[in-house]
Amino acid sequence: MKKTKWFDRKFNFDSQQNIFPSIIERLIGTPARLEEKMKNIPPETLEIKLDGAWSIKENIGHLTDLEPLWQGRLQDFLHAEKELRPTDLANRKTDEANHNSKPLDELLKEFRQVRMETIAMIENLDDEIVFRSALHPRLKTPMRTMDSFLFVAEHDDHHLARITEIGKNEVKGNGAEKSA
C-alpha cells in the first residue's frame, strides 16, 4: 500500500469537540507501541536504509529529535504567540545525529523519557489553552493546541507505519541497503 508523504499530507482541524484527552492517550501510548513493534523486527534490519531513506533506528531517533519542537510549540501557545515556531524542514538534526550507532534500547528509552516530559506538560491544560490558536508556519493554517498535538500523534503514526514498511520490505529483500 502506497502512503502519502508527510509533507504532502493535508490536515483538517475543524472539530469543535474537545478530543484532547484522547489525543493525550495516543501520545502516551506511542512509546509502548514502538517498543512492542521492535520485538518483531529482526536486529539486523534496524540500520537498513530502504530506498535510501532513514533506517528504523533513524526513524526512532527522529521522533526523539522533534520532541523539543512540540514542547516549544506548547510554549508558543502558552505565551499566546501569533505563529508557532518553525521546524528545520531539512531535518538536519536527525541526519547528523548518527542514530544508527546507538543501541536500540537507548533510542527507545530516550524517546519514552522525552515523550513523558511532554505528557507532563500537557496533561493538565485547561480548556482555554486547549482551544488557543496560532498559525502553523508550514501549513499556513490556524491550529489550536489540541490540533497541534493531534498533528504530533499523526506524525508518530506516520513514522510507526514507516518502520513497519521497512521491516516488511527487508523480510522480502526489496530495495534495502545497510547503512554506512
N, C-alpha and C. Protein backbone atom coordinates (compact mmCIF):
# COMPACT_ATOMS: atom_id res chain seq x y z
N MET A 1 0.84 -1.17 0.00
CA MET A 1 0.00 0.00 0.00
C MET A 1 0.89 1.24 0.00
N LYS A 2 0.64 2.12 -0.93
CA LYS A 2 1.43 3.35 -1.02
C LYS A 2 0.84 4.40 -0.09
N LYS A 3 1.70 4.99 0.75
CA LYS A 3 1.19 6.02 1.67
C LYS A 3 1.62 7.40 1.19
N THR A 4 0.87 8.39 1.61
CA THR A 4 1.15 9.78 1.26
C THR A 4 2.37 10.25 2.04
N LYS A 5 3.27 10.96 1.36
CA LYS A 5 4.43 11.54 2.03
C LYS A 5 3.97 12.55 3.07
N TRP A 6 4.75 12.66 4.15
CA TRP A 6 4.37 13.54 5.25
C TRP A 6 4.13 14.98 4.78
N PHE A 7 5.02 15.52 3.97
CA PHE A 7 4.89 16.91 3.54
C PHE A 7 3.77 17.11 2.52
N ASP A 8 3.21 16.02 2.01
CA ASP A 8 2.08 16.11 1.09
C ASP A 8 0.74 15.96 1.81
N ARG A 9 0.77 15.63 3.09
CA ARG A 9 -0.46 15.42 3.86
C ARG A 9 -1.22 16.73 4.04
N LYS A 10 -2.53 16.61 4.03
CA LYS A 10 -3.43 17.73 4.33
C LYS A 10 -4.13 17.39 5.64
N PHE A 11 -4.39 18.41 6.46
CA PHE A 11 -4.99 18.20 7.77
C PHE A 11 -6.23 19.06 7.90
N ASN A 12 -7.24 18.52 8.57
CA ASN A 12 -8.48 19.23 8.82
C ASN A 12 -8.63 19.38 10.33
N PHE A 13 -8.66 20.61 10.80
CA PHE A 13 -8.76 20.88 12.22
C PHE A 13 -10.07 21.61 12.53
N ASP A 14 -11.18 21.12 11.98
CA ASP A 14 -12.47 21.79 12.13
C ASP A 14 -13.27 21.35 13.35
N SER A 15 -12.89 20.27 13.99
CA SER A 15 -13.69 19.73 15.10
C SER A 15 -13.81 20.75 16.23
N GLN A 16 -15.01 20.91 16.72
CA GLN A 16 -15.26 21.79 17.86
C GLN A 16 -15.34 20.99 19.16
N GLN A 17 -15.24 19.68 19.07
CA GLN A 17 -15.28 18.83 20.25
C GLN A 17 -13.91 18.81 20.91
N ASN A 18 -13.91 18.68 22.22
CA ASN A 18 -12.63 18.58 22.93
C ASN A 18 -12.20 17.12 22.93
N ILE A 19 -11.35 16.78 21.97
CA ILE A 19 -10.83 15.42 21.87
C ILE A 19 -9.42 15.31 22.46
N PHE A 20 -9.01 16.36 23.16
CA PHE A 20 -7.65 16.40 23.69
C PHE A 20 -7.33 15.22 24.62
N PRO A 21 -8.24 14.79 25.51
CA PRO A 21 -7.92 13.62 26.34
C PRO A 21 -7.57 12.37 25.50
N SER A 22 -8.27 12.16 24.39
CA SER A 22 -7.97 11.02 23.52
C SER A 22 -6.63 11.19 22.82
N ILE A 23 -6.33 12.41 22.45
CA ILE A 23 -5.04 12.69 21.81
C ILE A 23 -3.91 12.40 22.80
N ILE A 24 -4.08 12.83 24.03
CA ILE A 24 -3.07 12.56 25.06
C ILE A 24 -2.87 11.06 25.21
N GLU A 25 -3.95 10.29 25.21
CA GLU A 25 -3.82 8.82 25.30
C GLU A 25 -3.01 8.26 24.14
N ARG A 26 -3.24 8.76 22.94
CA ARG A 26 -2.44 8.31 21.78
C ARG A 26 -0.98 8.62 22.00
N LEU A 27 -0.69 9.84 22.47
CA LEU A 27 0.70 10.25 22.67
C LEU A 27 1.37 9.44 23.77
N ILE A 28 0.65 9.16 24.84
CA ILE A 28 1.18 8.33 25.92
C ILE A 28 1.51 6.93 25.40
N GLY A 29 0.68 6.43 24.50
CA GLY A 29 0.83 5.07 24.01
C GLY A 29 1.91 4.86 22.96
N THR A 30 2.39 5.94 22.36
CA THR A 30 3.38 5.77 21.28
C THR A 30 4.63 5.03 21.73
N PRO A 31 5.25 5.37 22.86
CA PRO A 31 6.45 4.60 23.26
C PRO A 31 6.17 3.10 23.42
N ALA A 32 5.05 2.75 24.03
CA ALA A 32 4.72 1.32 24.21
C ALA A 32 4.46 0.64 22.87
N ARG A 33 3.76 1.33 21.97
CA ARG A 33 3.51 0.76 20.64
C ARG A 33 4.83 0.55 19.90
N LEU A 34 5.72 1.51 20.00
CA LEU A 34 7.02 1.42 19.35
C LEU A 34 7.84 0.27 19.94
N GLU A 35 7.88 0.19 21.25
CA GLU A 35 8.63 -0.89 21.91
C GLU A 35 8.07 -2.27 21.52
N GLU A 36 6.76 -2.38 21.47
CA GLU A 36 6.13 -3.65 21.08
C GLU A 36 6.48 -3.98 19.63
N LYS A 37 6.44 -3.00 18.77
CA LYS A 37 6.78 -3.19 17.35
C LYS A 37 8.21 -3.70 17.19
N MET A 38 9.12 -3.19 18.01
CA MET A 38 10.53 -3.57 17.90
C MET A 38 10.78 -5.03 18.29
N LYS A 39 9.88 -5.62 19.07
CA LYS A 39 10.03 -7.03 19.44
C LYS A 39 9.92 -7.96 18.24
N ASN A 40 9.26 -7.49 17.18
CA ASN A 40 9.03 -8.33 16.00
C ASN A 40 9.92 -7.98 14.82
N ILE A 41 10.86 -7.08 15.02
CA ILE A 41 11.74 -6.67 13.92
C ILE A 41 13.13 -7.22 14.18
N PRO A 42 13.65 -7.99 13.24
CA PRO A 42 14.99 -8.58 13.44
C PRO A 42 16.06 -7.50 13.62
N PRO A 43 16.97 -7.69 14.58
CA PRO A 43 18.01 -6.68 14.85
C PRO A 43 18.84 -6.31 13.63
N GLU A 44 19.04 -7.26 12.72
CA GLU A 44 19.87 -6.98 11.55
C GLU A 44 19.20 -6.02 10.57
N THR A 45 17.92 -5.70 10.77
CA THR A 45 17.23 -4.79 9.86
C THR A 45 17.17 -3.35 10.39
N LEU A 46 17.65 -3.12 11.59
CA LEU A 46 17.46 -1.82 12.25
C LEU A 46 18.21 -0.67 11.58
N GLU A 47 19.27 -0.97 10.86
CA GLU A 47 20.06 0.08 10.23
C GLU A 47 19.93 0.09 8.71
N ILE A 48 18.99 -0.68 8.20
CA ILE A 48 18.75 -0.76 6.76
C ILE A 48 18.08 0.53 6.28
N LYS A 49 18.60 1.07 5.19
CA LYS A 49 18.02 2.27 4.59
C LYS A 49 17.23 1.84 3.34
N LEU A 50 15.94 1.68 3.50
CA LEU A 50 15.07 1.30 2.40
C LEU A 50 14.94 2.47 1.43
N ASP A 51 15.29 2.23 0.18
CA ASP A 51 15.24 3.26 -0.86
C ASP A 51 16.05 4.51 -0.49
N GLY A 52 17.12 4.34 0.29
CA GLY A 52 17.99 5.45 0.66
C GLY A 52 17.42 6.37 1.73
N ALA A 53 16.25 6.04 2.28
CA ALA A 53 15.64 6.88 3.31
C ALA A 53 16.10 6.42 4.69
N TRP A 54 15.61 7.07 5.73
CA TRP A 54 16.02 6.74 7.08
C TRP A 54 15.78 5.28 7.45
N SER A 55 16.67 4.77 8.26
CA SER A 55 16.54 3.42 8.81
C SER A 55 15.52 3.42 9.94
N ILE A 56 15.24 2.24 10.47
CA ILE A 56 14.35 2.12 11.63
C ILE A 56 14.91 2.92 12.80
N LYS A 57 16.19 2.75 13.09
CA LYS A 57 16.79 3.49 14.20
C LYS A 57 16.70 5.00 13.97
N GLU A 58 16.89 5.43 12.74
CA GLU A 58 16.82 6.86 12.44
C GLU A 58 15.39 7.38 12.59
N ASN A 59 14.41 6.58 12.22
CA ASN A 59 13.02 6.97 12.42
C ASN A 59 12.72 7.13 13.91
N ILE A 60 13.21 6.22 14.73
CA ILE A 60 13.01 6.32 16.18
C ILE A 60 13.72 7.56 16.71
N GLY A 61 14.96 7.76 16.30
CA GLY A 61 15.70 8.94 16.73
C GLY A 61 15.03 10.23 16.32
N HIS A 62 14.43 10.22 15.14
CA HIS A 62 13.73 11.41 14.64
C HIS A 62 12.56 11.78 15.57
N LEU A 63 11.85 10.78 16.05
CA LEU A 63 10.75 11.07 16.99
C LEU A 63 11.28 11.79 18.22
N THR A 64 12.41 11.34 18.73
CA THR A 64 13.04 11.99 19.89
C THR A 64 13.54 13.38 19.51
N ASP A 65 14.14 13.50 18.33
CA ASP A 65 14.69 14.79 17.89
C ASP A 65 13.62 15.88 17.82
N LEU A 66 12.39 15.51 17.46
CA LEU A 66 11.34 16.51 17.28
C LEU A 66 10.59 16.85 18.56
N GLU A 67 10.76 16.06 19.60
CA GLU A 67 10.01 16.33 20.83
C GLU A 67 10.26 17.73 21.40
N PRO A 68 11.50 18.25 21.37
CA PRO A 68 11.69 19.64 21.83
C PRO A 68 10.90 20.66 20.99
N LEU A 69 10.66 20.38 19.72
CA LEU A 69 9.84 21.26 18.90
C LEU A 69 8.41 21.28 19.41
N TRP A 70 7.87 20.09 19.70
CA TRP A 70 6.49 20.02 20.19
C TRP A 70 6.38 20.74 21.54
N GLN A 71 7.38 20.56 22.39
CA GLN A 71 7.38 21.24 23.68
C GLN A 71 7.49 22.76 23.49
N GLY A 72 8.32 23.17 22.55
CA GLY A 72 8.47 24.60 22.27
C GLY A 72 7.20 25.21 21.71
N ARG A 73 6.52 24.47 20.85
CA ARG A 73 5.27 24.98 20.30
C ARG A 73 4.21 25.09 21.41
N LEU A 74 4.24 24.20 22.37
CA LEU A 74 3.34 24.35 23.52
C LEU A 74 3.62 25.68 24.21
N GLN A 75 4.89 26.00 24.37
CA GLN A 75 5.24 27.30 24.98
C GLN A 75 4.71 28.45 24.13
N ASP A 76 4.74 28.29 22.82
CA ASP A 76 4.19 29.32 21.93
C ASP A 76 2.70 29.53 22.22
N PHE A 77 1.96 28.43 22.39
CA PHE A 77 0.53 28.55 22.73
C PHE A 77 0.35 29.19 24.10
N LEU A 78 1.13 28.74 25.07
CA LEU A 78 1.01 29.28 26.42
C LEU A 78 1.28 30.79 26.47
N HIS A 79 2.19 31.26 25.61
CA HIS A 79 2.54 32.68 25.55
C HIS A 79 1.71 33.45 24.52
N ALA A 80 0.69 32.79 23.97
CA ALA A 80 -0.24 33.41 23.02
C ALA A 80 0.48 34.00 21.80
N GLU A 81 1.51 33.30 21.33
CA GLU A 81 2.19 33.74 20.11
C GLU A 81 1.22 33.64 18.93
N LYS A 82 1.40 34.51 17.96
CA LYS A 82 0.52 34.51 16.78
C LYS A 82 0.87 33.37 15.82
N GLU A 83 2.17 33.03 15.77
CA GLU A 83 2.62 31.96 14.88
C GLU A 83 3.54 31.03 15.66
N LEU A 84 3.39 29.73 15.38
CA LEU A 84 4.22 28.73 16.04
C LEU A 84 5.63 28.75 15.47
N ARG A 85 6.59 28.37 16.31
CA ARG A 85 7.98 28.33 15.84
C ARG A 85 8.11 27.31 14.70
N PRO A 86 8.96 27.60 13.74
CA PRO A 86 9.15 26.69 12.60
C PRO A 86 10.08 25.53 12.97
N THR A 87 10.03 24.52 12.15
CA THR A 87 10.96 23.41 12.29
C THR A 87 12.00 23.50 11.19
N ASP A 88 13.05 22.73 11.34
CA ASP A 88 14.05 22.61 10.28
C ASP A 88 13.51 21.60 9.28
N LEU A 89 12.99 22.08 8.18
CA LEU A 89 12.36 21.21 7.19
C LEU A 89 13.34 20.23 6.55
N ALA A 90 14.63 20.50 6.66
CA ALA A 90 15.64 19.58 6.12
C ALA A 90 15.98 18.46 7.11
N ASN A 91 15.48 18.57 8.33
CA ASN A 91 15.72 17.55 9.37
C ASN A 91 17.21 17.27 9.59
N ARG A 92 18.01 18.31 9.62
CA ARG A 92 19.45 18.16 9.82
C ARG A 92 19.80 17.46 11.12
N LYS A 93 19.04 17.74 12.18
CA LYS A 93 19.34 17.13 13.48
C LYS A 93 19.32 15.61 13.37
N THR A 94 18.31 15.08 12.71
CA THR A 94 18.21 13.62 12.55
C THR A 94 19.31 13.12 11.63
N ASP A 95 19.55 13.82 10.55
CA ASP A 95 20.58 13.37 9.60
C ASP A 95 21.98 13.38 10.21
N GLU A 96 22.22 14.30 11.14
CA GLU A 96 23.56 14.44 11.72
C GLU A 96 23.75 13.67 13.03
N ALA A 97 22.69 13.10 13.58
CA ALA A 97 22.74 12.51 14.92
C ALA A 97 23.40 11.14 14.99
N ASN A 98 23.56 10.48 13.86
CA ASN A 98 24.14 9.13 13.83
C ASN A 98 23.39 8.17 14.76
N HIS A 99 22.07 8.16 14.62
CA HIS A 99 21.24 7.29 15.44
C HIS A 99 21.55 5.81 15.22
N ASN A 100 22.06 5.47 14.05
CA ASN A 100 22.39 4.05 13.78
C ASN A 100 23.52 3.53 14.66
N SER A 101 24.30 4.43 15.25
CA SER A 101 25.40 4.00 16.11
C SER A 101 24.94 3.71 17.55
N LYS A 102 23.69 4.06 17.85
CA LYS A 102 23.19 3.89 19.21
C LYS A 102 22.48 2.54 19.36
N PRO A 103 22.56 1.95 20.55
CA PRO A 103 21.80 0.73 20.80
C PRO A 103 20.30 1.01 20.75
N LEU A 104 19.53 0.06 20.26
CA LEU A 104 18.09 0.21 20.16
C LEU A 104 17.47 0.55 21.51
N ASP A 105 17.87 -0.13 22.56
CA ASP A 105 17.31 0.12 23.89
C ASP A 105 17.51 1.58 24.32
N GLU A 106 18.65 2.15 23.98
CA GLU A 106 18.92 3.55 24.32
C GLU A 106 17.98 4.48 23.56
N LEU A 107 17.78 4.22 22.27
CA LEU A 107 16.88 5.05 21.47
C LEU A 107 15.45 4.99 22.01
N LEU A 108 15.01 3.79 22.36
CA LEU A 108 13.65 3.63 22.89
C LEU A 108 13.50 4.32 24.25
N LYS A 109 14.51 4.19 25.09
CA LYS A 109 14.49 4.82 26.42
C LYS A 109 14.47 6.34 26.30
N GLU A 110 15.29 6.88 25.40
CA GLU A 110 15.34 8.33 25.20
C GLU A 110 13.99 8.87 24.73
N PHE A 111 13.37 8.14 23.79
CA PHE A 111 12.08 8.59 23.29
C PHE A 111 11.03 8.55 24.40
N ARG A 112 10.97 7.45 25.13
CA ARG A 112 10.00 7.33 26.21
C ARG A 112 10.18 8.47 27.22
N GLN A 113 11.42 8.75 27.58
CA GLN A 113 11.69 9.79 28.58
C GLN A 113 11.22 11.17 28.11
N VAL A 114 11.60 11.56 26.90
CA VAL A 114 11.25 12.89 26.43
C VAL A 114 9.75 12.99 26.15
N ARG A 115 9.13 11.90 25.70
CA ARG A 115 7.68 11.94 25.47
C ARG A 115 6.93 12.10 26.79
N MET A 116 7.40 11.43 27.84
CA MET A 116 6.72 11.56 29.13
C MET A 116 6.90 12.98 29.69
N GLU A 117 8.00 13.64 29.35
CA GLU A 117 8.16 15.05 29.72
C GLU A 117 7.08 15.90 29.02
N THR A 118 6.84 15.61 27.76
CA THR A 118 5.81 16.33 27.01
C THR A 118 4.44 16.07 27.63
N ILE A 119 4.15 14.83 27.94
CA ILE A 119 2.86 14.48 28.54
C ILE A 119 2.66 15.26 29.84
N ALA A 120 3.68 15.31 30.67
CA ALA A 120 3.58 16.05 31.93
C ALA A 120 3.25 17.52 31.68
N MET A 121 3.70 18.05 30.55
CA MET A 121 3.45 19.45 30.23
C MET A 121 2.02 19.71 29.74
N ILE A 122 1.39 18.69 29.14
CA ILE A 122 0.08 18.91 28.51
C ILE A 122 -1.10 18.28 29.24
N GLU A 123 -0.86 17.37 30.15
CA GLU A 123 -1.97 16.58 30.69
C GLU A 123 -2.93 17.37 31.57
N ASN A 124 -2.55 18.52 32.05
CA ASN A 124 -3.43 19.31 32.92
C ASN A 124 -3.78 20.68 32.36
N LEU A 125 -3.69 20.82 31.04
CA LEU A 125 -4.03 22.11 30.43
C LEU A 125 -5.53 22.38 30.58
N ASP A 126 -5.88 23.66 30.76
CA ASP A 126 -7.30 23.99 30.84
C ASP A 126 -7.86 24.22 29.43
N ASP A 127 -9.19 24.27 29.35
CA ASP A 127 -9.85 24.38 28.04
C ASP A 127 -9.43 25.63 27.27
N GLU A 128 -9.17 26.72 27.97
CA GLU A 128 -8.75 27.93 27.27
C GLU A 128 -7.47 27.68 26.47
N ILE A 129 -6.51 27.02 27.07
CA ILE A 129 -5.24 26.72 26.39
C ILE A 129 -5.45 25.65 25.32
N VAL A 130 -6.25 24.64 25.61
CA VAL A 130 -6.50 23.56 24.65
C VAL A 130 -7.05 24.12 23.34
N PHE A 131 -7.89 25.17 23.44
CA PHE A 131 -8.53 25.74 22.24
C PHE A 131 -7.84 27.01 21.74
N ARG A 132 -6.73 27.40 22.35
CA ARG A 132 -5.99 28.59 21.89
C ARG A 132 -5.35 28.28 20.54
N SER A 133 -5.34 29.28 19.67
CA SER A 133 -4.92 29.08 18.28
C SER A 133 -3.69 29.91 17.93
N ALA A 134 -2.90 29.37 17.01
CA ALA A 134 -1.76 30.08 16.41
C ALA A 134 -1.59 29.54 14.99
N LEU A 135 -0.89 30.29 14.18
CA LEU A 135 -0.66 29.89 12.80
C LEU A 135 0.47 28.86 12.72
N HIS A 136 0.20 27.76 12.02
CA HIS A 136 1.26 26.78 11.79
C HIS A 136 2.15 27.32 10.67
N PRO A 137 3.47 27.36 10.87
CA PRO A 137 4.35 28.04 9.92
C PRO A 137 4.44 27.40 8.54
N ARG A 138 4.36 26.08 8.45
CA ARG A 138 4.46 25.42 7.15
C ARG A 138 3.10 25.29 6.48
N LEU A 139 2.10 24.88 7.26
CA LEU A 139 0.77 24.65 6.70
C LEU A 139 0.02 25.95 6.42
N LYS A 140 0.46 27.05 7.07
CA LYS A 140 -0.17 28.37 6.92
C LYS A 140 -1.67 28.30 7.22
N THR A 141 -1.99 27.58 8.28
CA THR A 141 -3.37 27.44 8.74
C THR A 141 -3.41 27.60 10.25
N PRO A 142 -4.49 28.15 10.77
CA PRO A 142 -4.61 28.23 12.22
C PRO A 142 -4.68 26.83 12.82
N MET A 143 -4.06 26.67 13.96
CA MET A 143 -4.01 25.38 14.63
C MET A 143 -4.15 25.65 16.12
N ARG A 144 -5.06 24.92 16.77
CA ARG A 144 -5.19 25.05 18.21
C ARG A 144 -4.19 24.11 18.89
N THR A 145 -3.99 24.31 20.19
CA THR A 145 -3.10 23.42 20.94
C THR A 145 -3.51 21.98 20.72
N MET A 146 -4.80 21.70 20.83
CA MET A 146 -5.33 20.36 20.60
C MET A 146 -4.95 19.85 19.21
N ASP A 147 -5.09 20.69 18.21
CA ASP A 147 -4.77 20.31 16.83
C ASP A 147 -3.28 20.05 16.68
N SER A 148 -2.48 20.86 17.34
CA SER A 148 -1.04 20.70 17.26
C SER A 148 -0.61 19.32 17.76
N PHE A 149 -1.22 18.88 18.84
CA PHE A 149 -0.85 17.57 19.38
C PHE A 149 -1.52 16.43 18.63
N LEU A 150 -2.63 16.69 17.94
CA LEU A 150 -3.16 15.70 17.01
C LEU A 150 -2.17 15.53 15.86
N PHE A 151 -1.61 16.63 15.41
CA PHE A 151 -0.57 16.63 14.38
C PHE A 151 0.62 15.78 14.84
N VAL A 152 1.02 15.92 16.12
CA VAL A 152 2.12 15.12 16.67
C VAL A 152 1.75 13.64 16.65
N ALA A 153 0.53 13.31 17.06
CA ALA A 153 0.09 11.91 17.06
C ALA A 153 0.09 11.34 15.65
N GLU A 154 -0.33 12.13 14.68
CA GLU A 154 -0.30 11.69 13.28
C GLU A 154 1.13 11.50 12.81
N HIS A 155 2.01 12.39 13.24
CA HIS A 155 3.43 12.27 12.90
C HIS A 155 4.02 10.99 13.49
N ASP A 156 3.68 10.70 14.74
CA ASP A 156 4.11 9.45 15.36
C ASP A 156 3.68 8.26 14.50
N ASP A 157 2.39 8.24 14.16
CA ASP A 157 1.85 7.11 13.39
C ASP A 157 2.49 7.00 12.02
N HIS A 158 2.79 8.14 11.43
CA HIS A 158 3.47 8.14 10.12
C HIS A 158 4.81 7.38 10.23
N HIS A 159 5.57 7.66 11.29
CA HIS A 159 6.87 7.00 11.44
C HIS A 159 6.73 5.55 11.90
N LEU A 160 5.72 5.24 12.68
CA LEU A 160 5.49 3.84 13.03
C LEU A 160 5.13 3.04 11.78
N ALA A 161 4.32 3.62 10.92
CA ALA A 161 3.98 2.95 9.66
C ALA A 161 5.22 2.77 8.79
N ARG A 162 6.09 3.75 8.78
CA ARG A 162 7.33 3.64 8.01
C ARG A 162 8.22 2.53 8.55
N ILE A 163 8.30 2.41 9.87
CA ILE A 163 9.08 1.34 10.48
C ILE A 163 8.50 -0.02 10.07
N THR A 164 7.19 -0.14 10.08
CA THR A 164 6.55 -1.38 9.63
C THR A 164 6.89 -1.67 8.18
N GLU A 165 6.83 -0.64 7.35
CA GLU A 165 7.14 -0.78 5.93
C GLU A 165 8.58 -1.26 5.73
N ILE A 166 9.52 -0.68 6.44
CA ILE A 166 10.92 -1.09 6.32
C ILE A 166 11.06 -2.54 6.74
N GLY A 167 10.46 -2.91 7.86
CA GLY A 167 10.54 -4.28 8.35
C GLY A 167 9.98 -5.28 7.37
N LYS A 168 8.83 -4.98 6.78
CA LYS A 168 8.21 -5.89 5.81
C LYS A 168 9.04 -6.00 4.54
N ASN A 169 9.56 -4.88 4.05
CA ASN A 169 10.34 -4.90 2.83
C ASN A 169 11.68 -5.60 3.02
N GLU A 170 12.25 -5.47 4.21
CA GLU A 170 13.52 -6.14 4.46
C GLU A 170 13.33 -7.65 4.48
N VAL A 171 12.22 -8.10 5.04
CA VAL A 171 11.94 -9.53 5.06
C VAL A 171 11.85 -10.05 3.63
N LYS A 172 11.24 -9.24 2.74
CA LYS A 172 11.12 -9.61 1.33
C LYS A 172 12.43 -9.38 0.56
N GLY A 173 13.34 -8.56 1.12
CA GLY A 173 14.61 -8.26 0.45
C GLY A 173 14.48 -7.22 -0.64
N ASN A 174 13.57 -6.27 -0.47
CA ASN A 174 13.31 -5.25 -1.51
C ASN A 174 14.02 -3.93 -1.25
N GLY A 175 14.90 -3.53 -2.10
CA GLY A 175 15.46 -2.18 -2.14
C GLY A 175 16.22 -1.71 -0.90
N ALA A 176 16.67 -2.61 -0.09
CA ALA A 176 17.31 -2.21 1.15
C ALA A 176 18.82 -2.31 1.04
N GLU A 177 19.49 -1.38 1.71
CA GLU A 177 20.95 -1.45 1.79
C GLU A 177 21.38 -1.08 3.19
N LYS A 178 22.42 -1.70 3.67
CA LYS A 178 22.92 -1.46 5.02
C LYS A 178 23.49 -0.05 5.09
N SER A 179 23.19 0.63 6.18
CA SER A 179 23.70 1.97 6.39
C SER A 179 25.22 1.93 6.51
N ALA A 180 25.86 2.97 6.00
CA ALA A 180 27.34 3.05 6.10
C ALA A 180 27.78 3.61 7.40
